[in-house]
Amino acid sequence: MTEEKKKVAEILKAAIKGEDEGYRYYDYLAQRTVNIDARRKLENLRDDEIRHKEILTGIFKKHIGKDIGRLPEKGLGALTDVFRDGRINNLKNEMEFINLAIEVELATSKFYEKEKHLLNDPEFQAVFDQLADEEYNHYQLLQAEKDAMGGNYHWFSYDGTSPLED
């Protein structure tokens, strides 16, 4: 494998790991919330993460030409440490969960924006643009929910429904 392919493989594996961690995080939250609107929003975020993972897996197979194999220990953001160290059990309220999700979504969006030029392939770049936009939309949704939860109702919640938790 060429050095360029190794670098592409490494970055794609980190992205796939990050999307997998995002899926696990939103699934964890969705299973623990009692608010139906919040559960629906969390499940939508979770499902987006698994769709992103599938897209990245397809890109990996196309550009690297083999199975992914073992994923790295660390993904793109803070979720690796939260799961590995068991710190997820230390998060006590909705604001702590949402703040972590906001941090991760923004970092992931920036990652895709930065790495879209990894390959000189318009299709690859378009997919990374799409992923960056979707992750940024997640960030905006979560930020709007945070603002609504904090009583900052000029946002009125991103899609017109109640905050993640009432």
N, C-alpha and C. Protein backbone atom coordinates (compact mmCIF):
# COMPACT_ATOMS: atom_id res chain seq x y z
N MET A 1 0.85 -1.17 0.00
CA MET A 1 0.00 0.00 0.00
C MET A 1 0.90 1.24 0.00
N THR A 2 0.55 2.22 -0.83
CA THR A 2 1.33 3.44 -0.90
C THR A 2 1.16 4.27 0.38
N GLU A 3 2.06 5.20 0.59
CA GLU A 3 1.98 6.08 1.76
C GLU A 3 0.70 6.91 1.73
N GLU A 4 0.31 7.36 0.53
CA GLU A 4 -0.93 8.15 0.41
C GLU A 4 -2.14 7.32 0.83
N LYS A 5 -2.19 6.07 0.35
CA LYS A 5 -3.31 5.20 0.72
C LYS A 5 -3.31 4.90 2.22
N LYS A 6 -2.14 4.74 2.80
CA LYS A 6 -2.06 4.51 4.24
C LYS A 6 -2.64 5.69 5.01
N LYS A 7 -2.30 6.90 4.56
CA LYS A 7 -2.81 8.10 5.23
C LYS A 7 -4.32 8.19 5.09
N VAL A 8 -4.83 7.95 3.88
CA VAL A 8 -6.27 7.98 3.63
C VAL A 8 -6.96 6.93 4.49
N ALA A 9 -6.39 5.73 4.54
CA ALA A 9 -6.98 4.65 5.34
C ALA A 9 -7.02 5.04 6.81
N GLU A 10 -5.95 5.62 7.30
CA GLU A 10 -5.88 6.02 8.70
C GLU A 10 -6.94 7.07 9.04
N ILE A 11 -7.10 8.05 8.17
CA ILE A 11 -8.08 9.11 8.42
C ILE A 11 -9.50 8.58 8.31
N LEU A 12 -9.75 7.74 7.33
CA LEU A 12 -11.08 7.16 7.19
C LEU A 12 -11.42 6.26 8.37
N LYS A 13 -10.45 5.49 8.85
CA LYS A 13 -10.70 4.63 10.01
C LYS A 13 -11.03 5.46 11.26
N ALA A 14 -10.31 6.57 11.45
CA ALA A 14 -10.60 7.44 12.59
C ALA A 14 -12.01 8.03 12.47
N ALA A 15 -12.40 8.40 11.24
CA ALA A 15 -13.74 8.95 11.02
C ALA A 15 -14.81 7.89 11.28
N ILE A 16 -14.56 6.67 10.81
CA ILE A 16 -15.52 5.58 11.03
C ILE A 16 -15.65 5.30 12.53
N LYS A 17 -14.54 5.27 13.23
CA LYS A 17 -14.56 5.07 14.68
C LYS A 17 -15.34 6.20 15.36
N GLY A 18 -15.12 7.44 14.91
CA GLY A 18 -15.84 8.58 15.48
C GLY A 18 -17.35 8.48 15.27
N GLU A 19 -17.75 8.06 14.09
CA GLU A 19 -19.19 7.90 13.81
C GLU A 19 -19.78 6.77 14.65
N ASP A 20 -19.01 5.70 14.83
CA ASP A 20 -19.46 4.59 15.67
C ASP A 20 -19.64 5.06 17.11
N GLU A 21 -18.71 5.85 17.60
CA GLU A 21 -18.83 6.38 18.97
C GLU A 21 -20.03 7.32 19.09
N GLY A 22 -20.28 8.12 18.05
CA GLY A 22 -21.45 9.00 18.06
C GLY A 22 -22.73 8.18 18.12
N TYR A 23 -22.78 7.11 17.34
CA TYR A 23 -23.93 6.21 17.38
C TYR A 23 -24.14 5.67 18.80
N ARG A 24 -23.08 5.18 19.40
CA ARG A 24 -23.18 4.62 20.76
C ARG A 24 -23.64 5.66 21.77
N TYR A 25 -23.14 6.87 21.64
CA TYR A 25 -23.48 7.95 22.57
C TYR A 25 -24.97 8.30 22.46
N TYR A 26 -25.45 8.54 21.24
CA TYR A 26 -26.85 8.91 21.08
C TYR A 26 -27.79 7.75 21.42
N ASP A 27 -27.37 6.54 21.14
CA ASP A 27 -28.17 5.38 21.52
C ASP A 27 -28.26 5.28 23.05
N TYR A 28 -27.14 5.50 23.73
CA TYR A 28 -27.10 5.50 25.20
C TYR A 28 -28.09 6.53 25.75
N LEU A 29 -28.07 7.73 25.20
CA LEU A 29 -28.96 8.79 25.67
C LEU A 29 -30.42 8.48 25.34
N ALA A 30 -30.68 8.00 24.13
CA ALA A 30 -32.05 7.72 23.72
C ALA A 30 -32.69 6.65 24.61
N GLN A 31 -31.93 5.68 25.00
CA GLN A 31 -32.46 4.61 25.85
C GLN A 31 -32.78 5.09 27.26
N ARG A 32 -32.20 6.21 27.66
CA ARG A 32 -32.36 6.68 29.03
C ARG A 32 -33.32 7.86 29.17
N THR A 33 -33.79 8.41 28.08
CA THR A 33 -34.68 9.56 28.18
C THR A 33 -36.13 9.11 28.23
N VAL A 34 -36.94 9.86 28.97
CA VAL A 34 -38.36 9.54 29.06
C VAL A 34 -39.20 10.46 28.19
N ASN A 35 -38.63 11.57 27.78
CA ASN A 35 -39.34 12.53 26.93
C ASN A 35 -39.39 11.98 25.50
N ILE A 36 -40.60 11.82 24.97
CA ILE A 36 -40.77 11.20 23.66
C ILE A 36 -40.12 12.04 22.56
N ASP A 37 -40.30 13.36 22.61
CA ASP A 37 -39.68 14.22 21.59
C ASP A 37 -38.16 14.13 21.66
N ALA A 38 -37.63 14.13 22.86
CA ALA A 38 -36.17 14.03 23.04
C ALA A 38 -35.67 12.69 22.50
N ARG A 39 -36.38 11.61 22.81
CA ARG A 39 -35.97 10.29 22.34
C ARG A 39 -35.95 10.26 20.81
N ARG A 40 -36.97 10.82 20.20
CA ARG A 40 -37.05 10.84 18.73
C ARG A 40 -35.85 11.60 18.15
N LYS A 41 -35.53 12.76 18.72
CA LYS A 41 -34.41 13.55 18.22
C LYS A 41 -33.09 12.81 18.40
N LEU A 42 -32.92 12.18 19.54
CA LEU A 42 -31.70 11.42 19.80
C LEU A 42 -31.58 10.22 18.87
N GLU A 43 -32.69 9.55 18.62
CA GLU A 43 -32.67 8.42 17.69
C GLU A 43 -32.35 8.88 16.27
N ASN A 44 -32.85 10.06 15.89
CA ASN A 44 -32.51 10.60 14.57
C ASN A 44 -31.01 10.90 14.48
N LEU A 45 -30.45 11.50 15.52
CA LEU A 45 -29.01 11.76 15.54
C LEU A 45 -28.24 10.44 15.48
N ARG A 46 -28.68 9.47 16.26
CA ARG A 46 -28.04 8.14 16.27
C ARG A 46 -28.06 7.52 14.88
N ASP A 47 -29.21 7.58 14.24
CA ASP A 47 -29.35 6.97 12.91
C ASP A 47 -28.51 7.69 11.87
N ASP A 48 -28.37 9.01 12.01
CA ASP A 48 -27.48 9.75 11.11
C ASP A 48 -26.04 9.27 11.27
N GLU A 49 -25.61 9.03 12.49
CA GLU A 49 -24.24 8.58 12.73
C GLU A 49 -23.99 7.22 12.09
N ILE A 50 -24.93 6.31 12.18
CA ILE A 50 -24.73 4.99 11.57
C ILE A 50 -24.73 5.12 10.04
N ARG A 51 -25.55 6.02 9.50
CA ARG A 51 -25.55 6.26 8.05
C ARG A 51 -24.21 6.84 7.62
N HIS A 52 -23.66 7.75 8.42
CA HIS A 52 -22.35 8.32 8.11
C HIS A 52 -21.28 7.22 8.10
N LYS A 53 -21.37 6.33 9.07
CA LYS A 53 -20.40 5.22 9.14
C LYS A 53 -20.49 4.35 7.88
N GLU A 54 -21.70 4.09 7.42
CA GLU A 54 -21.87 3.29 6.21
C GLU A 54 -21.30 3.99 4.98
N ILE A 55 -21.51 5.31 4.89
CA ILE A 55 -20.95 6.08 3.78
C ILE A 55 -19.43 6.00 3.80
N LEU A 56 -18.84 6.20 4.98
CA LEU A 56 -17.38 6.17 5.10
C LEU A 56 -16.82 4.78 4.81
N THR A 57 -17.55 3.75 5.21
CA THR A 57 -17.11 2.39 4.92
C THR A 57 -17.09 2.15 3.41
N GLY A 58 -18.09 2.65 2.70
CA GLY A 58 -18.12 2.54 1.24
C GLY A 58 -16.96 3.28 0.60
N ILE A 59 -16.65 4.46 1.10
CA ILE A 59 -15.52 5.23 0.59
C ILE A 59 -14.21 4.48 0.83
N PHE A 60 -14.09 3.89 2.02
CA PHE A 60 -12.88 3.14 2.35
C PHE A 60 -12.69 1.99 1.35
N LYS A 61 -13.72 1.23 1.12
CA LYS A 61 -13.62 0.09 0.20
C LYS A 61 -13.28 0.55 -1.21
N LYS A 62 -13.86 1.68 -1.63
CA LYS A 62 -13.61 2.19 -2.98
C LYS A 62 -12.17 2.67 -3.14
N HIS A 63 -11.67 3.41 -2.17
CA HIS A 63 -10.35 4.04 -2.34
C HIS A 63 -9.19 3.21 -1.80
N ILE A 64 -9.47 2.34 -0.86
CA ILE A 64 -8.40 1.52 -0.28
C ILE A 64 -8.43 0.12 -0.88
N GLY A 65 -9.63 -0.35 -1.23
CA GLY A 65 -9.75 -1.61 -1.95
C GLY A 65 -9.66 -2.85 -1.09
N LYS A 66 -9.93 -2.71 0.19
CA LYS A 66 -9.93 -3.90 1.04
C LYS A 66 -10.85 -3.64 2.21
N ASP A 67 -11.05 -4.69 3.03
CA ASP A 67 -11.87 -4.52 4.22
C ASP A 67 -11.17 -3.59 5.20
N ILE A 68 -11.95 -2.96 6.03
CA ILE A 68 -11.42 -1.98 6.97
C ILE A 68 -10.49 -2.61 8.00
N GLY A 69 -10.86 -3.77 8.46
CA GLY A 69 -10.04 -4.39 9.50
C GLY A 69 -10.29 -3.71 10.85
N ARG A 70 -9.31 -3.72 11.66
CA ARG A 70 -9.43 -3.18 13.02
C ARG A 70 -9.44 -1.65 13.00
N LEU A 71 -10.38 -1.09 13.76
CA LEU A 71 -10.46 0.36 13.87
C LEU A 71 -9.50 0.84 14.95
N PRO A 72 -9.06 2.08 14.87
CA PRO A 72 -8.15 2.60 15.90
C PRO A 72 -8.86 2.72 17.24
N GLU A 73 -8.08 2.84 18.30
CA GLU A 73 -8.65 3.00 19.63
C GLU A 73 -9.39 4.31 19.77
N LYS A 74 -8.89 5.34 19.12
CA LYS A 74 -9.44 6.68 19.28
C LYS A 74 -10.11 7.14 17.99
N GLY A 75 -11.30 7.72 18.17
CA GLY A 75 -12.02 8.30 17.03
C GLY A 75 -11.65 9.76 16.85
N LEU A 76 -12.64 10.57 16.53
CA LEU A 76 -12.38 11.97 16.21
C LEU A 76 -12.46 12.91 17.40
N GLY A 77 -13.23 12.56 18.39
CA GLY A 77 -13.50 13.54 19.43
C GLY A 77 -13.37 12.99 20.83
N ALA A 78 -14.04 13.66 21.71
CA ALA A 78 -13.95 13.38 23.14
C ALA A 78 -14.67 12.10 23.55
N LEU A 79 -15.46 11.53 22.69
CA LEU A 79 -16.25 10.36 23.09
C LEU A 79 -15.41 9.14 23.41
N THR A 80 -14.29 8.97 22.74
CA THR A 80 -13.43 7.82 23.03
C THR A 80 -13.09 7.77 24.50
N ASP A 81 -12.62 8.88 25.04
CA ASP A 81 -12.22 8.91 26.44
C ASP A 81 -13.41 8.75 27.38
N VAL A 82 -14.55 9.31 27.00
CA VAL A 82 -15.73 9.21 27.85
C VAL A 82 -16.17 7.75 27.99
N PHE A 83 -16.13 7.01 26.89
CA PHE A 83 -16.49 5.60 26.95
C PHE A 83 -15.40 4.75 27.61
N ARG A 84 -14.15 4.97 27.21
CA ARG A 84 -13.05 4.14 27.69
C ARG A 84 -12.85 4.28 29.19
N ASP A 85 -12.91 5.50 29.68
CA ASP A 85 -12.66 5.76 31.10
C ASP A 85 -13.91 5.60 31.96
N GLY A 86 -15.03 5.28 31.35
CA GLY A 86 -16.26 5.14 32.12
C GLY A 86 -16.84 6.47 32.59
N ARG A 87 -16.31 7.56 32.05
CA ARG A 87 -16.78 8.88 32.48
C ARG A 87 -18.21 9.16 32.06
N ILE A 88 -18.74 8.39 31.15
CA ILE A 88 -20.13 8.62 30.74
C ILE A 88 -21.06 8.45 31.94
N ASN A 89 -20.67 7.61 32.87
CA ASN A 89 -21.48 7.41 34.07
C ASN A 89 -21.40 8.59 35.03
N ASN A 90 -20.42 9.47 34.84
CA ASN A 90 -20.27 10.65 35.69
C ASN A 90 -21.06 11.85 35.20
N LEU A 91 -21.57 11.77 33.96
CA LEU A 91 -22.38 12.86 33.44
C LEU A 91 -23.75 12.76 34.10
N LYS A 92 -24.16 13.82 34.77
CA LYS A 92 -25.33 13.73 35.65
C LYS A 92 -26.60 14.39 35.13
N ASN A 93 -26.48 15.35 34.22
CA ASN A 93 -27.70 16.03 33.81
C ASN A 93 -27.69 16.28 32.30
N GLU A 94 -28.84 16.71 31.82
CA GLU A 94 -29.00 16.93 30.39
C GLU A 94 -27.99 17.92 29.83
N MET A 95 -27.69 18.96 30.61
CA MET A 95 -26.78 20.00 30.12
C MET A 95 -25.37 19.43 29.91
N GLU A 96 -24.93 18.54 30.80
CA GLU A 96 -23.61 17.93 30.62
C GLU A 96 -23.58 17.05 29.37
N PHE A 97 -24.65 16.29 29.15
CA PHE A 97 -24.72 15.44 27.97
C PHE A 97 -24.76 16.28 26.69
N ILE A 98 -25.55 17.33 26.71
CA ILE A 98 -25.70 18.14 25.50
C ILE A 98 -24.43 18.93 25.22
N ASN A 99 -23.75 19.41 26.26
CA ASN A 99 -22.49 20.13 26.05
C ASN A 99 -21.44 19.24 25.39
N LEU A 100 -21.36 18.00 25.82
CA LEU A 100 -20.41 17.06 25.21
C LEU A 100 -20.78 16.81 23.75
N ALA A 101 -22.07 16.61 23.49
CA ALA A 101 -22.51 16.36 22.11
C ALA A 101 -22.21 17.57 21.22
N ILE A 102 -22.43 18.77 21.73
CA ILE A 102 -22.14 19.98 20.96
C ILE A 102 -20.66 20.04 20.60
N GLU A 103 -19.82 19.77 21.59
CA GLU A 103 -18.36 19.77 21.36
C GLU A 103 -17.97 18.78 20.27
N VAL A 104 -18.52 17.58 20.36
CA VAL A 104 -18.17 16.52 19.42
C VAL A 104 -18.67 16.83 18.01
N GLU A 105 -19.90 17.30 17.89
CA GLU A 105 -20.46 17.59 16.57
C GLU A 105 -19.69 18.71 15.86
N LEU A 106 -19.33 19.75 16.60
CA LEU A 106 -18.59 20.84 15.99
C LEU A 106 -17.19 20.38 15.56
N ALA A 107 -16.53 19.61 16.40
CA ALA A 107 -15.20 19.10 16.06
C ALA A 107 -15.26 18.17 14.84
N THR A 108 -16.30 17.37 14.77
CA THR A 108 -16.44 16.44 13.65
C THR A 108 -16.70 17.20 12.35
N SER A 109 -17.54 18.22 12.41
CA SER A 109 -17.79 19.04 11.23
C SER A 109 -16.50 19.68 10.73
N LYS A 110 -15.71 20.21 11.64
CA LYS A 110 -14.44 20.83 11.27
C LYS A 110 -13.46 19.79 10.69
N PHE A 111 -13.49 18.59 11.24
CA PHE A 111 -12.63 17.51 10.73
C PHE A 111 -12.95 17.23 9.25
N TYR A 112 -14.23 17.04 8.93
CA TYR A 112 -14.60 16.73 7.55
C TYR A 112 -14.26 17.89 6.62
N GLU A 113 -14.46 19.10 7.09
CA GLU A 113 -14.12 20.27 6.27
C GLU A 113 -12.62 20.31 6.00
N LYS A 114 -11.83 20.04 7.01
CA LYS A 114 -10.37 20.07 6.87
C LYS A 114 -9.86 18.94 5.97
N GLU A 115 -10.41 17.76 6.12
CA GLU A 115 -9.89 16.58 5.42
C GLU A 115 -10.51 16.33 4.05
N LYS A 116 -11.41 17.18 3.61
CA LYS A 116 -12.06 16.93 2.31
C LYS A 116 -11.09 16.96 1.13
N HIS A 117 -9.95 17.60 1.32
CA HIS A 117 -8.96 17.66 0.24
C HIS A 117 -7.91 16.56 0.35
N LEU A 118 -8.17 15.60 1.20
CA LEU A 118 -7.28 14.46 1.37
C LEU A 118 -7.02 13.76 0.04
N LEU A 119 -8.07 13.65 -0.75
CA LEU A 119 -7.95 13.06 -2.08
C LEU A 119 -8.39 14.07 -3.13
N ASN A 120 -7.75 14.05 -4.24
CA ASN A 120 -8.14 14.91 -5.36
C ASN A 120 -9.22 14.19 -6.16
N ASP A 121 -10.37 14.06 -5.53
CA ASP A 121 -11.49 13.33 -6.10
C ASP A 121 -12.76 14.13 -5.78
N PRO A 122 -13.41 14.70 -6.78
CA PRO A 122 -14.60 15.52 -6.54
C PRO A 122 -15.71 14.78 -5.78
N GLU A 123 -15.87 13.49 -6.04
CA GLU A 123 -16.91 12.72 -5.34
C GLU A 123 -16.57 12.61 -3.85
N PHE A 124 -15.31 12.29 -3.56
CA PHE A 124 -14.84 12.21 -2.17
C PHE A 124 -15.05 13.55 -1.48
N GLN A 125 -14.68 14.63 -2.14
CA GLN A 125 -14.80 15.97 -1.56
C GLN A 125 -16.26 16.33 -1.33
N ALA A 126 -17.13 15.95 -2.25
CA ALA A 126 -18.56 16.24 -2.10
C ALA A 126 -19.15 15.48 -0.91
N VAL A 127 -18.73 14.24 -0.73
CA VAL A 127 -19.21 13.46 0.41
C VAL A 127 -18.73 14.08 1.72
N PHE A 128 -17.47 14.48 1.78
CA PHE A 128 -16.96 15.11 2.99
C PHE A 128 -17.65 16.46 3.25
N ASP A 129 -17.96 17.20 2.19
CA ASP A 129 -18.74 18.44 2.35
C ASP A 129 -20.11 18.13 2.95
N GLN A 130 -20.75 17.09 2.42
CA GLN A 130 -22.07 16.68 2.91
C GLN A 130 -21.99 16.29 4.39
N LEU A 131 -20.98 15.49 4.74
CA LEU A 131 -20.83 15.06 6.13
C LEU A 131 -20.55 16.25 7.04
N ALA A 132 -19.71 17.18 6.58
CA ALA A 132 -19.42 18.38 7.38
C ALA A 132 -20.71 19.18 7.61
N ASP A 133 -21.52 19.32 6.57
CA ASP A 133 -22.79 20.05 6.70
C ASP A 133 -23.74 19.35 7.66
N GLU A 134 -23.85 18.04 7.56
CA GLU A 134 -24.76 17.31 8.43
C GLU A 134 -24.30 17.38 9.88
N GLU A 135 -23.01 17.26 10.11
CA GLU A 135 -22.50 17.35 11.49
C GLU A 135 -22.72 18.77 12.04
N TYR A 136 -22.55 19.77 11.18
CA TYR A 136 -22.79 21.14 11.63
C TYR A 136 -24.28 21.35 11.93
N ASN A 137 -25.15 20.74 11.15
CA ASN A 137 -26.59 20.80 11.45
C ASN A 137 -26.90 20.14 12.80
N HIS A 138 -26.20 19.05 13.11
CA HIS A 138 -26.36 18.43 14.42
C HIS A 138 -25.95 19.41 15.52
N TYR A 139 -24.81 20.06 15.29
CA TYR A 139 -24.33 21.06 16.25
C TYR A 139 -25.39 22.14 16.46
N GLN A 140 -25.97 22.66 15.37
CA GLN A 140 -26.98 23.72 15.48
C GLN A 140 -28.23 23.23 16.22
N LEU A 141 -28.67 22.03 15.92
CA LEU A 141 -29.83 21.45 16.61
C LEU A 141 -29.56 21.38 18.11
N LEU A 142 -28.41 20.85 18.47
CA LEU A 142 -28.07 20.69 19.88
C LEU A 142 -27.89 22.04 20.57
N GLN A 143 -27.30 22.99 19.88
CA GLN A 143 -27.13 24.32 20.46
C GLN A 143 -28.50 24.98 20.70
N ALA A 144 -29.42 24.82 19.75
CA ALA A 144 -30.76 25.37 19.91
C ALA A 144 -31.47 24.71 21.10
N GLU A 145 -31.30 23.41 21.24
CA GLU A 145 -31.90 22.71 22.38
C GLU A 145 -31.31 23.20 23.69
N LYS A 146 -30.00 23.39 23.70
CA LYS A 146 -29.34 23.89 24.90
C LYS A 146 -29.88 25.28 25.27
N ASP A 147 -30.01 26.13 24.27
CA ASP A 147 -30.53 27.47 24.52
C ASP A 147 -31.96 27.41 25.05
N ALA A 148 -32.76 26.54 24.47
CA ALA A 148 -34.14 26.40 24.93
C ALA A 148 -34.19 25.87 26.36
N MET A 149 -33.32 24.91 26.67
CA MET A 149 -33.27 24.35 28.03
C MET A 149 -32.84 25.39 29.05
N GLY A 150 -32.00 26.32 28.61
CA GLY A 150 -31.51 27.35 29.52
C GLY A 150 -32.43 28.55 29.62
N GLY A 151 -33.60 28.47 29.00
CA GLY A 151 -34.55 29.56 29.07
C GLY A 151 -34.30 30.64 28.03
N ASN A 152 -33.44 30.38 27.10
CA ASN A 152 -33.11 31.35 26.06
C ASN A 152 -34.03 31.08 24.87
N TYR A 153 -35.30 31.38 25.04
CA TYR A 153 -36.32 30.90 24.12
C TYR A 153 -36.42 31.65 22.80
N HIS A 154 -35.55 32.63 22.56
CA HIS A 154 -35.61 33.26 21.25
C HIS A 154 -35.23 32.28 20.15
N TRP A 155 -34.59 31.17 20.51
CA TRP A 155 -34.30 30.12 19.53
C TRP A 155 -35.53 29.26 19.27
N PHE A 156 -36.40 29.11 20.25
CA PHE A 156 -37.63 28.34 20.15
C PHE A 156 -37.43 26.89 19.76
N SER A 157 -36.29 26.36 19.98
CA SER A 157 -35.98 24.98 19.62
C SER A 157 -35.85 24.87 18.10
N TYR A 158 -34.90 24.11 17.69
CA TYR A 158 -34.49 24.03 16.29
C TYR A 158 -35.61 23.66 15.33
N ASP A 159 -36.41 22.67 15.68
CA ASP A 159 -37.46 22.25 14.73
C ASP A 159 -38.86 22.48 15.27
N GLY A 160 -38.99 23.35 16.25
CA GLY A 160 -40.31 23.74 16.71
C GLY A 160 -40.91 22.83 17.77
N THR A 161 -40.18 21.86 18.25
CA THR A 161 -40.70 21.00 19.30
C THR A 161 -40.01 21.30 20.61
N SER A 162 -40.31 20.53 21.61
CA SER A 162 -39.79 20.80 22.94
C SER A 162 -38.29 20.50 23.03
N PRO A 163 -37.63 21.05 24.06
CA PRO A 163 -36.21 20.75 24.27
C PRO A 163 -36.00 19.24 24.51
N LEU A 164 -34.75 18.84 24.52
CA LEU A 164 -34.43 17.42 24.70
C LEU A 164 -35.09 16.86 25.95
N GLU A 165 -35.10 17.59 27.02
CA GLU A 165 -35.77 17.16 28.24
C GLU A 165 -36.56 18.34 28.78
N ASP A 166 -37.77 18.09 29.23
CA ASP A 166 -38.57 19.16 29.86
C ASP A 166 -38.24 19.27 31.32
